[in-house]
C-alpha atoms as a PDB file:
ATOM      1  CA  MET A   1       0.605   4.868  -1.044  1.00  0.00           C
ATOM      2  CA  ARG A   2       4.183   4.201  -2.093  1.00  0.00           C
ATOM      3  CA  PHE A   3       6.208   5.427  -5.035  1.00  0.00           C
ATOM      4  CA  ILE A   4       8.558   3.261  -7.065  1.00  0.00           C
ATOM      5  CA  SER A   5      11.072   3.596  -9.861  1.00  0.00           C
ATOM      6  CA  VAL A   6       9.946   3.507 -13.477  1.00  0.00           C
ATOM      7  CA  PRO A   7      10.616   0.073 -15.070  1.00  0.00           C
ATOM      8  CA  VAL A   8      13.891  -0.101 -16.978  1.00  0.00           C
ATOM      9  CA  GLU A   9      12.512  -2.467 -19.622  1.00  0.00           C
ATOM     10  CA  ASP A  10      12.382  -1.032 -23.141  1.00  0.00           C
ATOM     11  CA  SER A  11       8.840  -0.826 -24.523  1.00  0.00           C
ATOM     12  CA  ARG A  12       9.767  -2.109 -27.989  1.00  0.00           C
ATOM     13  CA  ASP A  13      11.731  -5.039 -26.557  1.00  0.00           C
ATOM     14  CA  VAL A  14       8.794  -6.030 -24.347  1.00  0.00           C
ATOM     15  CA  TYR A  15       6.347  -5.788 -27.244  1.00  0.00           C
ATOM     16  CA  GLN A  16       8.661  -7.788 -29.517  1.00  0.00           C
ATOM     17  CA  SER A  17       9.150 -10.480 -26.889  1.00  0.00           C
ATOM     18  CA  CYS A  18       5.382 -10.957 -26.676  1.00  0.00           C
ATOM     19  CA  VAL A  19       4.932 -10.994 -30.462  1.00  0.00           C
ATOM     20  CA  ASP A  20       7.778 -13.462 -30.983  1.00  0.00           C
ATOM     21  CA  SER A  21       5.965 -16.101 -28.942  1.00  0.00           C
ATOM     22  CA  ILE A  22       2.954 -16.082 -31.287  1.00  0.00           C
ATOM     23  CA  SER A  23       2.690 -19.116 -33.563  1.00  0.00           C
ATOM     24  CA  ASP A  24       0.093 -17.649 -35.947  1.00  0.00           C
ATOM     25  CA  SER A  25       2.244 -16.182 -38.731  1.00  0.00           C
ATOM     26  CA  ASN A  26      -0.499 -13.881 -40.010  1.00  0.00           C
ATOM     27  CA  LEU A  27      -1.158 -12.367 -36.586  1.00  0.00           C
ATOM     28  CA  LYS A  28       2.549 -12.044 -35.910  1.00  0.00           C
ATOM     29  CA  ALA A  29       3.065 -10.178 -39.197  1.00  0.00           C
ATOM     30  CA  ARG A  30       0.212  -7.779 -38.474  1.00  0.00           C
ATOM     31  CA  LEU A  31       1.533  -7.031 -34.986  1.00  0.00           C
ATOM     32  CA  ASN A  32       5.084  -6.547 -36.275  1.00  0.00           C
ATOM     33  CA  ALA A  33       3.773  -4.122 -38.886  1.00  0.00           C
ATOM     34  CA  VAL A  34       2.781  -1.621 -36.168  1.00  0.00           C
ATOM     35  CA  ILE A  35       5.760  -2.045 -33.842  1.00  0.00           C
ATOM     36  CA  GLN A  36       7.141   1.395 -34.701  1.00  0.00           C
ATOM     37  CA  TYR A  37       3.954   2.900 -33.324  1.00  0.00           C
ATOM     38  CA  ILE A  38       4.720   1.426 -29.889  1.00  0.00           C
ATOM     39  CA  ASP A  39       7.711   3.757 -29.604  1.00  0.00           C
ATOM     40  CA  LEU A  40       5.403   6.726 -30.155  1.00  0.00           C
ATOM     41  CA  VAL A  41       2.905   5.412 -27.611  1.00  0.00           C
ATOM     42  CA  ASP A  42       5.690   5.084 -25.047  1.00  0.00           C
ATOM     43  CA  VAL A  43       6.960   8.621 -25.659  1.00  0.00           C
ATOM     44  CA  GLU A  44       3.464  10.088 -25.436  1.00  0.00           C
ATOM     45  CA  TYR A  45       2.683   8.175 -22.256  1.00  0.00           C
ATOM     46  CA  ARG A  46       5.867   9.287 -20.498  1.00  0.00           C
ATOM     47  CA  SER A  47       5.529  12.926 -21.533  1.00  0.00           C
ATOM     48  CA  ARG A  48       1.936  13.143 -20.331  1.00  0.00           C
ATOM     49  CA  ALA A  49       2.599  11.172 -17.150  1.00  0.00           C
ATOM     50  CA  GLU A  50       5.385  13.583 -16.209  1.00  0.00           C
ATOM     51  CA  VAL A  51       2.868  16.434 -16.090  1.00  0.00           C
ATOM     52  CA  SER A  52      -0.015  14.365 -14.674  1.00  0.00           C
ATOM     53  CA  SER A  53      -2.084  14.618 -17.841  1.00  0.00           C
ATOM     54  CA  LEU A  54      -2.641  10.993 -18.836  1.00  0.00           C
ATOM     55  CA  TYR A  55      -6.356  11.735 -18.671  1.00  0.00           C
ATOM     56  CA  THR A  56      -5.967  13.728 -21.899  1.00  0.00           C
ATOM     57  CA  ILE A  57      -5.205  10.578 -23.920  1.00  0.00           C
ATOM     58  CA  PRO A  58      -8.540   9.635 -25.551  1.00  0.00           C
ATOM     59  CA  PRO A  59      -9.850   6.152 -24.660  1.00  0.00           C
ATOM     60  CA  ASN A  60     -10.638   3.669 -27.419  1.00  0.00           C
ATOM     61  CA  ASN A  61     -14.306   2.700 -27.190  1.00  0.00           C
ATOM     62  CA  SER A  62     -14.228   0.232 -30.090  1.00  0.00           C
ATOM     63  CA  GLY A  63     -15.434  -3.333 -29.719  1.00  0.00           C
ATOM     64  CA  ASN A  64     -12.999  -6.179 -29.099  1.00  0.00           C
ATOM     65  CA  ASP A  65     -13.200  -7.359 -32.719  1.00  0.00           C
ATOM     66  CA  ASP A  66     -12.742  -3.903 -34.211  1.00  0.00           C
ATOM     67  CA  VAL A  67      -9.451  -2.942 -35.850  1.00  0.00           C
ATOM     68  CA  VAL A  68      -7.787  -0.226 -33.762  1.00  0.00           C
ATOM     69  CA  LEU A  69      -4.348   0.135 -35.345  1.00  0.00           C
ATOM     70  CA  GLY A  70      -3.015  -1.021 -38.712  1.00  0.00           C
ATOM     71  CA  SER A  71      -4.868  -4.292 -39.183  1.00  0.00           C
ATOM     72  CA  VAL A  72      -4.756  -5.331 -35.510  1.00  0.00           C
ATOM     73  CA  THR A  73      -7.942  -5.630 -33.454  1.00  0.00           C
ATOM     74  CA  LYS A  74      -8.425  -4.452 -29.899  1.00  0.00           C
ATOM     75  CA  ASN A  75      -8.658  -8.017 -28.632  1.00  0.00           C
ATOM     76  CA  GLU A  76      -5.418  -9.016 -30.371  1.00  0.00           C
ATOM     77  CA  PHE A  77      -3.571  -6.222 -28.560  1.00  0.00           C
ATOM     78  CA  LYS A  78      -5.140  -7.198 -25.236  1.00  0.00           C
ATOM     79  CA  ASN A  79      -4.172 -10.831 -25.770  1.00  0.00           C
ATOM     80  CA  LEU A  80      -0.521  -9.826 -26.044  1.00  0.00           C
ATOM     81  CA  TYR A  81      -0.707  -9.261 -22.303  1.00  0.00           C
ATOM     82  CA  SER A  82      -3.099 -11.968 -21.122  1.00  0.00           C
ATOM     83  CA  THR A  83      -1.756 -14.761 -23.347  1.00  0.00           C
ATOM     84  CA  HIS A  84       1.819 -13.847 -24.201  1.00  0.00           C
ATOM     85  CA  MET A  85       3.052 -11.964 -21.115  1.00  0.00           C
ATOM     86  CA  VAL A  86       1.150 -13.305 -18.106  1.00  0.00           C
ATOM     87  CA  SER A  87       1.450 -16.966 -19.092  1.00  0.00           C
ATOM     88  CA  ARG A  88       4.306 -18.643 -17.227  1.00  0.00           C
ATOM     89  CA  SER A  89       5.155 -20.651 -20.338  1.00  0.00           C
ATOM     90  CA  LYS A  90       5.991 -17.536 -22.369  1.00  0.00           C
ATOM     91  CA  PRO A  91       9.414 -15.815 -22.495  1.00  0.00           C
ATOM     92  CA  ALA A  92       7.872 -12.406 -21.706  1.00  0.00           C
ATOM     93  CA  ARG A  93       6.778 -13.737 -18.314  1.00  0.00           C
ATOM     94  CA  ALA A  94      10.309 -12.972 -17.112  1.00  0.00           C
ATOM     95  CA  ILE A  95       9.651  -9.296 -17.884  1.00  0.00           C
ATOM     96  CA  TYR A  96       6.335  -9.481 -16.039  1.00  0.00           C
ATOM     97  CA  ASP A  97       8.102 -10.873 -12.976  1.00  0.00           C
ATOM     98  CA  SER A  98      10.846  -8.258 -13.198  1.00  0.00           C
ATOM     99  CA  ILE A  99       8.311  -5.407 -13.143  1.00  0.00           C
ATOM    100  CA  LEU A 100       6.454  -7.097 -10.288  1.00  0.00           C
ATOM    101  CA  MET A 101       9.681  -7.234  -8.277  1.00  0.00           C
ATOM    102  CA  GLY A 102       9.727  -3.432  -8.331  1.00  0.00           C
ATOM    103  CA  ALA A 103       7.144  -3.373  -5.544  1.00  0.00           C
ATOM    104  CA  PRO A 104       8.788  -2.045  -2.341  1.00  0.00           C
ATOM    105  CA  LYS A 105       9.259  -4.976   0.044  1.00  0.00           C
ATOM    106  CA  GLY A 106       6.733  -6.877  -2.044  1.00  0.00           C
ATOM    107  CA  ARG A 107       3.947  -4.491  -1.016  1.00  0.00           C
ATOM    108  CA  CYS A 108       1.338  -2.959  -3.297  1.00  0.00           C
ATOM    109  CA  PRO A 109       2.191   0.702  -3.988  1.00  0.00           C
ATOM    110  CA  PHE A 110      -1.468   1.717  -4.338  1.00  0.00           C
ATOM    111  CA  CYS A 111      -2.572   0.754  -0.811  1.00  0.00           C
ATOM    112  CA  GLY A 112       0.815   0.299   0.837  1.00  0.00           C
ATOM    113  CA  PHE A 113       0.067  -2.957   2.644  1.00  0.00           C
ATOM    114  CA  GLY A 114      -1.299  -5.636   0.292  1.00  0.00           C
ATOM    115  CA  HIS A 115       1.022  -8.226  -1.227  1.00  0.00           C
ATOM    116  CA  ALA A 116       1.914  -7.287  -4.807  1.00  0.00           C
ATOM    117  CA  THR A 117       1.076 -10.446  -6.737  1.00  0.00           C
ATOM    118  CA  THR A 118      -0.089  -9.089 -10.085  1.00  0.00           C
ATOM    119  CA  LEU A 119       0.336  -6.169 -12.477  1.00  0.00           C
ATOM    120  CA  ASP A 120      -2.285  -3.477 -12.885  1.00  0.00           C
ATOM    121  CA  HIS A 121      -2.820  -1.391 -16.012  1.00  0.00           C
ATOM    122  CA  TYR A 122      -2.884   2.226 -14.847  1.00  0.00           C
ATOM    123  CA  LEU A 123      -4.702   3.059 -18.078  1.00  0.00           C
ATOM    124  CA  PRO A 124      -6.945  -0.016 -18.564  1.00  0.00           C
ATOM    125  CA  LYS A 125      -6.174  -2.193 -21.550  1.00  0.00           C
ATOM    126  CA  ALA A 126      -9.901  -2.376 -22.340  1.00  0.00           C
ATOM    127  CA  LYS A 127      -9.754   1.312 -23.286  1.00  0.00           C
ATOM    128  CA  TYR A 128      -6.075   1.629 -24.213  1.00  0.00           C
ATOM    129  CA  PRO A 129      -5.293  -1.700 -25.948  1.00  0.00           C
ATOM    130  CA  GLU A 130      -2.061  -0.475 -27.563  1.00  0.00           C
ATOM    131  CA  MET A 131      -0.697   0.011 -24.022  1.00  0.00           C
ATOM    132  CA  SER A 132      -1.418  -3.564 -22.934  1.00  0.00           C
ATOM    133  CA  VAL A 133       2.266  -4.477 -22.574  1.00  0.00           C
ATOM    134  CA  LEU A 134       3.709  -0.977 -22.149  1.00  0.00           C
ATOM    135  CA  PRO A 135       6.059  -1.266 -19.120  1.00  0.00           C
ATOM    136  CA  VAL A 136       5.343   2.234 -17.771  1.00  0.00           C
ATOM    137  CA  ASN A 137       1.621   1.415 -17.731  1.00  0.00           C
ATOM    138  CA  LEU A 138       2.108  -1.794 -15.733  1.00  0.00           C
ATOM    139  CA  ILE A 139       2.117  -1.312 -11.949  1.00  0.00           C
ATOM    140  CA  PRO A 140       2.811  -3.968  -9.289  1.00  0.00           C
ATOM    141  CA  SER A 141      -0.440  -4.393  -7.391  1.00  0.00           C
ATOM    142  CA  CYS A 142      -2.278  -6.521  -4.873  1.00  0.00           C
ATOM    143  CA  LYS A 143      -5.390  -8.331  -6.088  1.00  0.00           C
ATOM    144  CA  ASP A 144      -7.719  -6.101  -4.068  1.00  0.00           C
ATOM    145  CA  CYS A 145      -6.374  -2.916  -5.655  1.00  0.00           C
ATOM    146  CA  ASN A 146      -6.273  -4.482  -9.110  1.00  0.00           C
ATOM    147  CA  THR A 147      -9.827  -5.804  -9.094  1.00  0.00           C
ATOM    148  CA  GLY A 148     -11.515  -3.416  -6.686  1.00  0.00           C
ATOM    149  CA  LYS A 149     -10.579  -0.011  -8.043  1.00  0.00           C
ATOM    150  CA  SER A 150     -13.068   2.154  -9.889  1.00  0.00           C
ATOM    151  CA  ALA A 151     -13.347   1.331 -13.604  1.00  0.00           C
ATOM    152  CA  THR A 152     -14.217   4.933 -14.410  1.00  0.00           C
ATOM    153  CA  ILE A 153     -11.914   6.619 -16.916  1.00  0.00           C
ATOM    154  CA  ALA A 154     -10.558   9.948 -15.702  1.00  0.00           C
ATOM    155  CA  VAL A 155     -11.889  12.865 -17.724  1.00  0.00           C
ATOM    156  CA  ALA A 156     -10.225  15.604 -15.661  1.00  0.00           C
ATOM    157  CA  ALA A 157      -6.890  15.975 -13.886  1.00  0.00           C
ATOM    158  CA  GLU A 158      -8.447  15.626 -10.439  1.00  0.00           C
ATOM    159  CA  ASP A 159     -10.120  12.331 -11.420  1.00  0.00           C
ATOM    160  CA  GLN A 160      -6.760  10.564 -11.667  1.00  0.00           C
ATOM    161  CA  CYS A 161      -5.572   8.328  -8.861  1.00  0.00           C
ATOM    162  CA  LEU A 162      -1.925   8.690  -7.887  1.00  0.00           C
ATOM    163  CA  HIS A 163       0.568   7.049 -10.248  1.00  0.00           C
ATOM    164  CA  PRO A 164       3.299   5.081  -8.421  1.00  0.00           C
ATOM    165  CA  TYR A 165       5.853   5.889 -11.143  1.00  0.00           C
ATOM    166  CA  TYR A 166       4.982   9.525 -11.768  1.00  0.00           C
ATOM    167  CA  ASN A 167       4.008  11.842  -8.959  1.00  0.00           C
ATOM    168  CA  HIS A 168       5.017  15.111  -7.417  1.00  0.00           C
ATOM    169  CA  GLN A 169       7.225  14.967  -4.320  1.00  0.00           C
ATOM    170  CA  ARG A 170       4.456  16.628  -2.318  1.00  0.00           C
ATOM    171  CA  PHE A 171       2.521  13.360  -2.287  1.00  0.00           C
ATOM    172  CA  ILE A 172       5.516  11.613  -0.735  1.00  0.00           C
ATOM    173  CA  GLU A 173       6.878  14.232   1.644  1.00  0.00           C
ATOM    174  CA  GLU A 174       3.749  15.911   3.000  1.00  0.00           C
ATOM    175  CA  GLN A 175       1.063  14.244   5.085  1.00  0.00           C
ATOM    176  CA  TRP A 176      -2.449  13.944   3.731  1.00  0.00           C
ATOM    177  CA  LEU A 177      -3.698  10.760   5.423  1.00  0.00           C
ATOM    178  CA  PHE A 178      -5.075  11.046   8.957  1.00  0.00           C
ATOM    179  CA  ALA A 179      -7.193   9.064  11.406  1.00  0.00           C
ATOM    180  CA  VAL A 180      -9.708   9.643  14.179  1.00  0.00           C
ATOM    181  CA  ILE A 181     -10.235   7.429  17.231  1.00  0.00           C
ATOM    182  CA  HIS A 182     -13.734   6.442  18.343  1.00  0.00           C
ATOM    183  CA  GLN A 183     -14.431   5.744  22.012  1.00  0.00           C
ATOM    184  CA  THR A 184     -16.093   2.413  21.407  1.00  0.00           C
ATOM    185  CA  THR A 185     -15.679  -1.114  22.737  1.00  0.00           C
ATOM    186  CA  PRO A 186     -13.572  -2.339  21.108  1.00  0.00           C
ATOM    187  CA  VAL A 187     -11.793   0.828  19.990  1.00  0.00           C
ATOM    188  CA  THR A 188     -12.313   1.700  16.331  1.00  0.00           C
ATOM    189  CA  VAL A 189     -10.438   3.945  13.911  1.00  0.00           C
ATOM    190  CA  THR A 190     -11.589   5.706  10.777  1.00  0.00           C
ATOM    191  CA  PHE A 191      -9.274   7.219   8.195  1.00  0.00           C
ATOM    192  CA  TYR A 192      -9.714  10.334   6.125  1.00  0.00           C
ATOM    193  CA  VAL A 193      -7.847  12.570   3.704  1.00  0.00           C
ATOM    194  CA  LYS A 194      -6.906  16.145   4.513  1.00  0.00           C
ATOM    195  CA  ALA A 195      -4.479  17.591   2.005  1.00  0.00           C
ATOM    196  CA  PRO A 196      -2.335  20.604   2.979  1.00  0.00           C
ATOM    197  CA  THR A 197      -4.173  23.850   2.253  1.00  0.00           C
ATOM    198  CA  HIS A 198      -1.219  25.260   0.298  1.00  0.00           C
ATOM    199  CA  TRP A 199      -1.571  22.531  -2.335  1.00  0.00           C
ATOM    200  CA  ASP A 200      -3.255  23.364  -5.624  1.00  0.00           C
ATOM    201  CA  SER A 201      -6.863  22.203  -5.902  1.00  0.00           C
ATOM    202  CA  VAL A 202      -6.066  19.415  -8.391  1.00  0.00           C
ATOM    203  CA  SER A 203      -3.515  17.815  -6.054  1.00  0.00           C
ATOM    204  CA  GLN A 204      -5.949  18.059  -3.151  1.00  0.00           C
ATOM    205  CA  GLU A 205      -8.642  16.312  -5.150  1.00  0.00           C
ATOM    206  CA  ARG A 206      -6.321  13.632  -6.525  1.00  0.00           C
ATOM    207  CA  VAL A 207      -5.489  12.242  -3.084  1.00  0.00           C
ATOM    208  CA  LYS A 208      -9.219  12.105  -2.354  1.00  0.00           C
ATOM    209  CA  THR A 209      -9.783  10.290  -5.643  1.00  0.00           C
ATOM    210  CA  HIS A 210      -7.039   7.796  -4.836  1.00  0.00           C
ATOM    211  CA  PHE A 211      -8.462   7.180  -1.353  1.00  0.00           C
ATOM    212  CA  LYS A 212     -11.939   6.600  -2.770  1.00  0.00           C
ATOM    213  CA  ASP A 213     -11.015   4.580  -5.867  1.00  0.00           C
ATOM    214  CA  PHE A 214      -9.167   1.943  -3.859  1.00  0.00           C
ATOM    215  CA  ASN A 215     -11.698   1.881  -1.003  1.00  0.00           C
ATOM    216  CA  LEU A 216      -8.912   2.680   1.450  1.00  0.00           C
ATOM    217  CA  ALA A 217     -11.114   3.993   4.271  1.00  0.00           C
ATOM    218  CA  SER A 218     -12.674   0.575   4.803  1.00  0.00           C
ATOM    219  CA  ARG A 219      -9.544  -1.433   4.073  1.00  0.00           C
ATOM    220  CA  TYR A 220      -7.346   0.620   6.403  1.00  0.00           C
ATOM    221  CA  SER A 221      -9.909   0.308   9.200  1.00  0.00           C
ATOM    222  CA  ILE A 222      -9.822  -3.469   8.856  1.00  0.00           C
ATOM    223  CA  GLU A 223      -6.021  -3.481   9.061  1.00  0.00           C
ATOM    224  CA  ALA A 224      -6.156  -1.157  12.076  1.00  0.00           C
ATOM    225  CA  ALA A 225      -8.536  -3.467  13.944  1.00  0.00           C
ATOM    226  CA  SER A 226      -5.874  -6.173  14.063  1.00  0.00           C
ATOM    227  CA  GLN A 227      -3.214  -3.741  15.263  1.00  0.00           C
ATOM    228  CA  LEU A 228      -5.506  -2.335  17.957  1.00  0.00           C
ATOM    229  CA  SER A 229      -6.028  -5.825  19.321  1.00  0.00           C
ATOM    230  CA  PHE A 230      -2.254  -6.222  19.581  1.00  0.00           C
ATOM    231  CA  LEU A 231      -1.849  -2.805  21.233  1.00  0.00           C
ATOM    232  CA  LYS A 232      -4.464  -3.649  23.843  1.00  0.00           C
ATOM    233  CA  HIS A 233      -2.042  -6.176  25.314  1.00  0.00           C
ATOM    234  CA  ASN A 234       1.177  -4.379  24.451  1.00  0.00           C
ATOM    235  CA  LEU A 235       0.211  -1.134  26.184  1.00  0.00           C
ATOM    236  CA  SER A 236      -0.422  -2.842  29.499  1.00  0.00           C
ATOM    237  CA  THR A 237       3.284  -2.273  30.168  1.00  0.00           C
ATOM    238  CA  PHE A 238       2.788   1.474  29.557  1.00  0.00           C
ATOM    239  CA  ILE A 239      -0.228   1.891  31.827  1.00  0.00           C
ATOM    240  CA  GLU A 240       0.908   5.295  33.030  1.00  0.00           C
ATOM    241  CA  TYR A 241      -0.642   7.990  30.840  1.00  0.00           C
ATOM    242  CA  THR A 242       2.643   9.608  29.820  1.00  0.00           C
ATOM    243  CA  GLY A 243       4.184   6.191  29.171  1.00  0.00           C
ATOM    244  CA  ALA A 244       1.445   5.070  26.773  1.00  0.00           C
ATOM    245  CA  LYS A 245       1.388   8.437  25.039  1.00  0.00           C
ATOM    246  CA  GLU A 246       5.165   8.493  24.613  1.00  0.00           C
ATOM    247  CA  HIS A 247       5.232   4.935  23.305  1.00  0.00           C
ATOM    248  CA  LEU A 248       2.526   5.656  20.721  1.00  0.00           C
ATOM    249  CA  SER A 249       4.230   8.886  19.644  1.00  0.00           C
ATOM    250  CA  LYS A 250       7.477   7.023  19.056  1.00  0.00           C
ATOM    251  CA  MET A 251       5.630   4.383  17.062  1.00  0.00           C
ATOM    252  CA  ALA A 252       4.056   7.116  14.929  1.00  0.00           C
ATOM    253  CA  GLN A 253       7.444   8.723  14.305  1.00  0.00           C
ATOM    254  CA  SER A 254       8.944   5.370  13.384  1.00  0.00           C
ATOM    255  CA  HIS A 255       6.224   4.629  10.826  1.00  0.00           C
ATOM    256  CA  ALA A 256       6.370   8.189   9.471  1.00  0.00           C
ATOM    257  CA  SER A 257      10.093   7.860   8.822  1.00  0.00           C
ATOM    258  CA  GLU A 258       9.294   5.042   6.399  1.00  0.00           C
ATOM    259  CA  ASN A 259       6.020   6.338   4.954  1.00  0.00           C
ATOM    260  CA  ILE A 260       4.352   9.485   6.230  1.00  0.00           C
ATOM    261  CA  ASN A 261       1.087   8.517   4.551  1.00  0.00           C
ATOM    262  CA  SER A 262       0.775   4.944   5.762  1.00  0.00           C
ATOM    263  CA  TRP A 263      -2.266   3.859   7.751  1.00  0.00           C
ATOM    264  CA  GLN A 264       0.098   2.940  10.599  1.00  0.00           C
ATOM    265  CA  THR A 265       1.447   6.492  10.806  1.00  0.00           C
ATOM    266  CA  ALA A 266      -2.040   8.005  10.826  1.00  0.00           C
ATOM    267  CA  MET A 267      -3.384   5.541  13.387  1.00  0.00           C
ATOM    268  CA  HIS A 268      -0.524   5.867  15.882  1.00  0.00           C
ATOM    269  CA  GLN A 269      -0.606   9.656  15.622  1.00  0.00           C
ATOM    270  CA  ALA A 270      -4.326   9.685  16.376  1.00  0.00           C
ATOM    271  CA  LEU A 271      -3.933   7.254  19.271  1.00  0.00           C
ATOM    272  CA  ALA A 272      -1.123   9.309  20.820  1.00  0.00           C
ATOM    273  CA  GLN A 273      -3.279  12.433  20.610  1.00  0.00           C
ATOM    274  CA  CYS A 274      -6.321  10.741  22.190  1.00  0.00           C
ATOM    275  CA  ASP A 275      -6.250  11.288  25.970  1.00  0.00           C
ATOM    276  CA  TRP A 276      -9.110   8.855  26.499  1.00  0.00           C
ATOM    277  CA  TYR A 277      -7.206   6.054  24.792  1.00  0.00           C
ATOM    278  CA  CYS A 278      -3.882   6.776  26.504  1.00  0.00           C
ATOM    279  CA  GLU A 279      -5.550   6.949  29.931  1.00  0.00           C
ATOM    280  CA  GLY A 280      -6.823   3.394  29.594  1.00  0.00           C
ATOM    281  CA  GLY A 281      -9.267   3.340  26.708  1.00  0.00           C
ATOM    282  CA  PHE A 282      -7.127   0.653  25.116  1.00  0.00           C
ATOM    283  CA  ALA A 283      -7.911  -1.824  27.916  1.00  0.00           C
END
């Protein structure tokens, strides 16, 4: 998990840019008629996100052809994004790309390792159509996180996955991701969440929700398998027990300095603490 700066793009400007590219004069007029509402949506989103209460915004369960605001249907709001923002032929695509560039080192903030190649709606546009092109609701994401996350709408604070733009410092500064080494051939690693006991119960549950929603246990284990194969050869130069242990500890510290809750940090910590592995289990 990584945290990134809130997009600087103005919500009304983004909305207007999408609407301006519409050729249907009737549709354009209907969308322009509700533009002032977008400012209110943006303010409400930010205020609730700041206190981790986006789950309190009621979802819209109307059908795609139902009018949801003014005289605009749900599908017409959703198409602002899919047709007039994502399309490379539209002016608003430049805004899409700008938000996408906010991903740290091009990596997905949800999982921390996938390539950010698309934008994810934190609150899904299928249930929150008026937020389809709201910049603060658009998160750089890898395809696996975008398409593989749970489609369930949060109904309680603890049901919310972590929000890359809005989260308490505790999620960044304190460790909650750990790993355990299995004495198998080849060596395997499993990852798990253990939030600090001094955290409030909602924060403890949210990291578990995030871990589960994005299927990180399985995905991190797959990433670790590749790294373990590399370490098998690399550690041959640190065959002495203390040498291997020291090397792995330094690797863990190095990864932790960049991201204390990365799978690399958790894996190297667990390896350094595993006597069996350091004594030759890696071979």
